Protein backbone atom coordinates (compact mmCIF):
# COMPACT_ATOMS: atom_id res chain seq x y z
CA MET A 1 22.99 25.84 11.59
CA LEU A 2 24.83 22.56 11.61
CA ASP A 3 27.49 21.80 9.03
CA PHE A 4 26.05 18.56 7.69
CA SER A 5 29.28 17.46 6.06
CA CYS A 6 31.05 17.56 9.42
CA GLU A 7 28.56 17.05 12.23
CA VAL A 8 25.53 15.15 10.99
CA ILE A 9 26.43 13.42 7.74
CA ARG A 10 29.57 11.35 7.75
CA ASN A 11 29.49 10.85 3.96
CA PRO A 12 29.82 14.36 2.41
CA VAL A 13 27.31 15.10 -0.37
CA SER A 14 25.87 18.34 -1.65
CA TYR A 15 22.96 19.47 0.45
CA ALA A 16 20.64 19.78 -2.57
CA LEU A 17 21.27 16.19 -3.62
CA PHE A 18 21.07 15.06 -0.01
CA SER A 19 17.65 16.72 0.43
CA LEU A 20 16.33 15.20 -2.77
CA LEU A 21 17.47 11.70 -1.86
CA LEU A 22 16.19 12.09 1.68
CA PHE A 23 12.81 13.30 0.46
CA ALA A 24 12.51 10.36 -1.94
CA GLY A 25 13.44 7.87 0.77
CA SER A 26 10.97 9.48 3.17
CA VAL A 27 8.16 9.21 0.61
CA VAL A 28 8.81 5.47 0.36
CA ALA A 29 8.97 5.16 4.15
CA GLY A 30 5.68 7.01 4.64
CA PHE A 31 4.01 5.01 1.89
CA LEU A 32 5.04 1.65 3.34
CA GLY A 33 4.26 2.75 6.88
CA ALA A 34 0.70 3.75 5.90
CA LEU A 35 0.10 0.49 4.03
CA THR A 36 1.30 -1.76 6.83
CA GLY A 37 0.34 0.19 9.94
CA LEU A 38 3.89 0.15 11.33
CA GLY A 39 4.50 3.84 10.65
CA GLY A 40 7.25 5.53 8.66
CA GLY A 41 9.63 5.81 11.61
CA VAL A 42 10.61 2.15 11.43
CA VAL A 43 12.12 2.85 7.99
CA ILE A 44 13.18 6.48 8.40
CA ILE A 45 15.58 5.92 11.29
CA PRO A 46 17.44 2.98 9.65
CA LEU A 47 17.46 4.99 6.40
CA LEU A 48 19.09 7.99 8.07
CA THR A 49 21.54 6.07 10.25
CA LEU A 50 22.54 3.19 7.97
CA GLY A 51 21.99 4.84 4.58
CA PHE A 52 23.09 8.44 5.21
CA GLY A 53 25.39 7.96 8.20
CA ILE A 54 23.45 10.41 10.40
CA ASP A 55 23.78 10.28 14.17
CA ILE A 56 20.84 8.30 15.55
CA ARG A 57 19.74 11.11 17.90
CA TYR A 58 19.32 13.53 14.96
CA ALA A 59 17.48 10.78 13.09
CA ILE A 60 15.11 10.34 16.04
CA GLY A 61 14.51 14.10 16.18
CA ALA A 62 13.58 14.21 12.49
CA SER A 63 11.37 11.16 12.87
CA LEU A 64 9.46 12.75 15.75
CA ILE A 65 8.66 15.79 13.61
CA SER A 66 7.33 13.55 10.84
CA VAL A 67 5.23 11.61 13.36
CA ILE A 68 3.60 14.84 14.56
CA ALA A 69 2.80 15.90 10.98
CA THR A 70 1.34 12.58 9.80
CA SER A 71 -0.64 12.00 12.99
CA SER A 72 -2.17 15.47 12.87
CA GLY A 73 -3.35 14.98 9.30
CA ALA A 74 -4.90 11.53 9.75
CA ALA A 75 -6.33 12.09 13.22
CA ALA A 76 -8.77 14.77 12.06
CA ALA A 77 -10.24 12.46 9.42
CA TYR A 78 -10.68 9.57 11.84
CA VAL A 79 -12.38 11.81 14.42
CA ARG A 80 -14.73 13.16 11.77
CA GLU A 81 -15.63 9.63 10.65
CA GLY A 82 -16.51 8.62 14.22
CA PHE A 83 -13.87 5.93 14.82
CA THR A 84 -11.63 7.70 17.35
CA ASN A 85 -12.63 7.67 21.02
CA ILE A 86 -11.36 11.06 22.19
CA ARG A 87 -12.18 10.43 25.87
CA ILE A 88 -10.10 7.23 25.98
CA GLY A 89 -7.35 8.83 23.91
CA MET A 90 -7.00 11.85 26.20
CA PHE A 91 -6.97 9.65 29.30
CA LEU A 92 -4.25 7.35 27.92
CA GLU A 93 -2.25 10.34 26.65
CA VAL A 94 -1.41 11.09 30.27
CA ALA A 95 0.51 7.81 30.40
CA THR A 96 2.13 8.12 26.97
CA THR A 97 3.16 11.76 27.48
CA VAL A 98 4.80 11.14 30.84
CA GLY A 99 6.50 8.07 29.38
CA ALA A 100 7.68 10.02 26.33
CA LEU A 101 9.27 12.71 28.51
CA CYS A 102 11.09 10.01 30.47
CA GLY A 103 12.22 8.27 27.27
CA ALA A 104 13.52 11.49 25.74
CA ALA A 105 15.43 12.26 28.94
CA ILE A 106 16.99 8.79 28.95
CA ALA A 107 18.01 9.15 25.28
CA GLY A 108 20.43 11.93 26.17
CA ILE A 109 22.22 9.74 28.71
CA ILE A 110 22.64 6.24 27.27
CA PRO A 111 25.10 5.45 24.42
CA THR A 112 23.90 5.62 20.82
CA GLY A 113 24.83 1.98 20.29
CA LEU A 114 22.43 0.91 23.04
CA ILE A 115 19.68 3.06 21.53
CA ALA A 116 20.23 1.28 18.22
CA VAL A 117 19.96 -2.16 19.85
CA ILE A 118 16.75 -1.20 21.69
CA PHE A 119 15.37 0.23 18.46
CA ALA A 120 16.16 -3.04 16.66
CA VAL A 121 14.36 -5.09 19.31
CA VAL A 122 11.27 -2.87 19.25
CA ILE A 123 10.87 -2.71 15.46
CA GLY A 124 11.55 -6.44 15.27
CA PHE A 125 8.70 -7.00 17.72
CA SER A 126 6.48 -4.64 15.70
CA ALA A 127 7.26 -6.57 12.53
CA LEU A 128 6.42 -9.89 14.15
CA GLN A 129 3.16 -8.44 15.44
CA SER A 130 2.17 -7.62 11.86
CA PHE A 131 2.07 -11.36 11.13
CA SER A 132 -0.61 -11.80 13.78
CA PRO A 133 -4.18 -11.09 12.71
CA PRO A 134 -6.11 -8.58 14.77
CA SER A 135 -8.21 -10.02 17.56
CA LEU A 136 -11.88 -10.46 17.00
CA PRO A 137 -14.13 -7.52 17.87
CA ALA A 138 -14.72 -7.38 21.59
CA THR A 139 -18.09 -8.54 22.79
CA ILE A 140 -19.67 -6.82 25.77
CA PRO A 141 -18.52 -8.74 28.85
CA PRO A 142 -21.03 -9.74 31.54
CA ARG A 143 -19.92 -6.93 33.86
CA GLN A 144 -18.40 -3.57 33.02
CA SER A 145 -15.46 -2.49 35.17
CA ARG A 146 -16.29 0.18 37.73
CA PHE A 147 -13.37 2.40 36.69
CA SER A 148 -14.36 2.26 33.04
CA ALA A 149 -17.95 3.14 33.92
CA MET A 150 -16.83 6.03 36.13
CA LEU A 151 -14.77 7.55 33.29
CA ARG A 152 -17.55 6.82 30.78
CA MET A 153 -15.22 4.88 28.50
CA ASN A 154 -17.98 3.72 26.24
CA GLY A 155 -18.68 4.70 22.68
CA THR A 156 -19.98 3.70 19.28
CA TYR A 157 -18.30 3.28 15.93
CA PRO A 158 -19.73 2.91 12.41
CA VAL A 159 -20.18 -0.59 11.03
CA GLY A 160 -21.85 -0.44 7.64
CA ASN A 161 -25.06 1.53 8.02
CA THR A 162 -25.26 1.06 11.78
CA HIS A 163 -23.23 1.87 14.90
CA GLU A 164 -22.00 -0.71 17.38
CA THR A 165 -21.53 0.03 21.08
CA TYR A 166 -18.40 -0.90 23.03
CA PHE A 167 -16.63 0.00 26.27
CA ALA A 168 -13.17 -0.45 27.70
CA THR A 169 -12.12 -3.09 30.23
CA ARG A 170 -8.86 -3.64 32.17
CA VAL A 171 -8.08 0.07 32.07
CA GLY A 172 -5.26 -0.19 34.65
CA PRO A 173 -3.09 -2.70 32.74
CA GLY A 174 -3.75 -0.78 29.52
CA PHE A 175 -2.62 2.46 31.17
CA LEU A 176 0.62 0.86 32.38
CA LEU A 177 1.42 -0.58 28.94
CA MET A 178 0.75 2.85 27.45
CA SER A 179 3.42 4.27 29.76
CA VAL A 180 5.92 1.78 28.33
CA ALA A 181 4.85 2.71 24.80
CA GLY A 182 5.43 6.37 25.64
CA VAL A 183 8.94 5.66 26.95
CA LEU A 184 9.82 3.81 23.74
CA SER A 185 8.34 6.58 21.61
CA GLY A 186 10.42 9.26 23.34
CA LEU A 187 13.54 7.12 23.35
CA LEU A 188 13.36 5.84 19.77
CA GLY A 189 11.36 8.45 17.86
CA ILE A 190 8.67 6.05 16.64
CA GLY A 191 4.95 5.94 17.27
CA SER A 192 5.10 2.61 19.17
CA GLY A 193 1.81 1.81 17.47
CA ALA A 194 2.24 -1.94 18.04
CA LEU A 195 2.25 -1.56 21.83
CA LYS A 196 -0.57 1.01 21.78
CA VAL A 197 -2.78 -1.27 19.71
CA ILE A 198 -1.95 -4.24 21.96
CA ALA A 199 -2.94 -2.18 25.01
CA MET A 200 -6.28 -1.11 23.55
CA ASP A 201 -7.13 -4.09 21.36
CA ARG A 202 -5.87 -7.03 23.42
CA LEU A 203 -6.05 -5.68 26.99
CA MET A 204 -8.81 -3.08 26.99
CA ARG A 205 -10.84 -5.05 24.43
CA LEU A 206 -11.66 -2.13 22.18
CA PRO A 207 -12.65 -2.86 18.56
CA PHE A 208 -9.62 -2.99 16.31
CA LYS A 209 -10.59 0.03 14.19
CA VAL A 210 -11.17 2.07 17.34
CA SER A 211 -7.78 0.95 18.71
CA THR A 212 -5.82 1.89 15.60
CA THR A 213 -7.52 5.25 15.05
CA THR A 214 -7.33 6.24 18.71
CA SER A 215 -3.65 5.24 18.70
CA ASN A 216 -3.09 7.54 15.73
CA PHE A 217 -4.86 10.35 17.58
CA MET A 218 -2.47 9.92 20.53
CA ILE A 219 0.79 9.52 18.61
CA GLY A 220 1.12 13.18 17.64
CA VAL A 221 0.70 14.43 21.22
CA THR A 222 3.16 11.83 22.51
CA ALA A 223 5.74 12.79 19.89
CA ALA A 224 5.29 16.51 20.57
CA ALA A 225 6.10 15.99 24.25
CA SER A 226 9.42 14.27 23.59
CA ALA A 227 10.25 16.52 20.60
CA GLY A 228 10.51 19.47 22.99
CA ILE A 229 13.36 17.79 24.85
CA TYR A 230 15.15 16.84 21.63
CA LEU A 231 14.77 20.44 20.43
CA SER A 232 16.21 21.86 23.65
CA ARG A 233 19.25 19.58 23.25
CA GLY A 234 19.81 20.60 19.63
CA TYR A 235 18.89 17.23 18.11
CA ILE A 236 16.19 18.62 15.81
CA GLU A 237 17.87 20.18 12.81
CA PRO A 238 15.33 21.96 10.54
CA THR A 239 17.27 21.36 7.33
CA LEU A 240 17.18 17.64 8.12
CA ALA A 241 13.67 17.41 9.55
CA MET A 242 11.95 19.35 6.75
CA PRO A 243 12.56 16.94 3.81
CA VAL A 244 11.84 14.00 6.11
CA MET A 245 8.54 15.49 7.28
CA LEU A 246 7.39 16.46 3.78
CA GLY A 247 8.39 13.10 2.33
CA VAL A 248 6.73 10.99 5.02
CA LEU A 249 3.58 13.12 4.88
CA ALA A 250 3.34 12.77 1.09
CA GLY A 251 4.03 9.06 1.20
CA SER A 252 1.49 8.41 3.95
CA LEU A 253 -1.23 10.30 2.06
CA VAL A 254 -0.62 8.19 -1.05
CA GLY A 255 -0.38 5.03 1.04
CA SER A 256 -3.69 5.66 2.77
CA ARG A 257 -5.40 5.93 -0.64
CA VAL A 258 -3.74 2.79 -1.99
CA LEU A 259 -4.67 0.96 1.22
CA ALA A 260 -8.31 0.79 0.13
CA ILE A 261 -7.50 -1.26 -2.98
CA ALA A 262 -4.24 -3.03 -2.08
CA HIS A 263 -3.95 -6.64 -0.90
CA THR A 264 -2.60 -5.60 2.48
CA PRO A 265 -1.91 -9.05 4.06
CA VAL A 266 0.78 -9.77 1.45
CA LEU A 267 2.25 -6.26 1.69
CA ARG A 268 2.28 -6.48 5.47
CA ARG A 269 4.26 -9.72 5.46
CA VAL A 270 6.75 -8.59 2.82
CA PHE A 271 7.38 -5.34 4.66
CA ALA A 272 7.69 -7.20 7.96
CA VAL A 273 10.51 -9.30 6.52
CA VAL A 274 12.30 -6.14 5.34
CA VAL A 275 11.89 -4.55 8.77
CA LEU A 276 13.28 -7.66 10.47
CA LEU A 277 16.37 -7.46 8.25
CA LEU A 278 16.76 -3.77 9.13
CA ALA A 279 16.43 -4.68 12.80
CA VAL A 280 19.25 -7.21 12.52
CA GLU A 281 21.45 -4.65 10.73
CA MET A 282 20.70 -1.98 13.34
CA ALA A 283 21.46 -4.38 16.19
CA PHE A 284 24.74 -5.48 14.59
CA ASN A 285 25.91 -1.91 14.03
CA GLY A 286 24.89 -0.92 17.54
CA LEU A 287 26.69 -3.83 19.18
CA THR A 288 29.85 -3.31 17.10
CA GLY A 289 29.98 0.42 17.85
CA ARG A 290 29.40 1.58 14.28
CA LEU A 291 26.54 3.92 15.23
């Protein structure tokens, strides 16, 4: 068991108070992440590193555990409702899992300051992406790609009282971008949902709801792959990961319910501005050697 006052937390506080504050912050992070689609990790890691003074590698380990928990809970619902394409998800998980293992391996080598700068760039990009509206639903192109047809990457998803048919195109470029998303997920402890949705929505031309739900289905498996490496290196501390996981899970459940009635475009833009400010702060601390 780590001595938090010496090894993980640079600002000594009682563990009970620390857990309570961490849980409360994680609830807010999970809530905002569910409302905006950026995920709780983009808030959790700055919260732990900048707010609580925790080493960024321990913060990433705790974030990965929360990603596994939240993805597992939401994925089952999306599969049951018929939005998730399991065949496409399992195929692309090959790319994200290999990438996540590589990213987790790299994280143990490069300096923490560089990890913070990379994290700032990625969450800044994710925040900017939230200002862009989703692309229009893909129409069936004149000719289906041979590779997509061979892997039977077609499906249907519910639209009102009917089901619309779709299939994937440009599978190769999408697979390569998924590898990059996996590397960033393993390196930074976030779901890299922005890149995953770009790969499926913009490149593979899947409907937006199918892209987001299939991305959620994949995130948990990707995080589990890299979490094993962080665990073997001692960067997953249960007494840190537990309040984070419970808080993010609770917040995401509440956020998913509020999502149905909230005016999400405004929330998305406000949260994006906050994330951009966090990105600047993370980059500054990383470049000045404060992390």
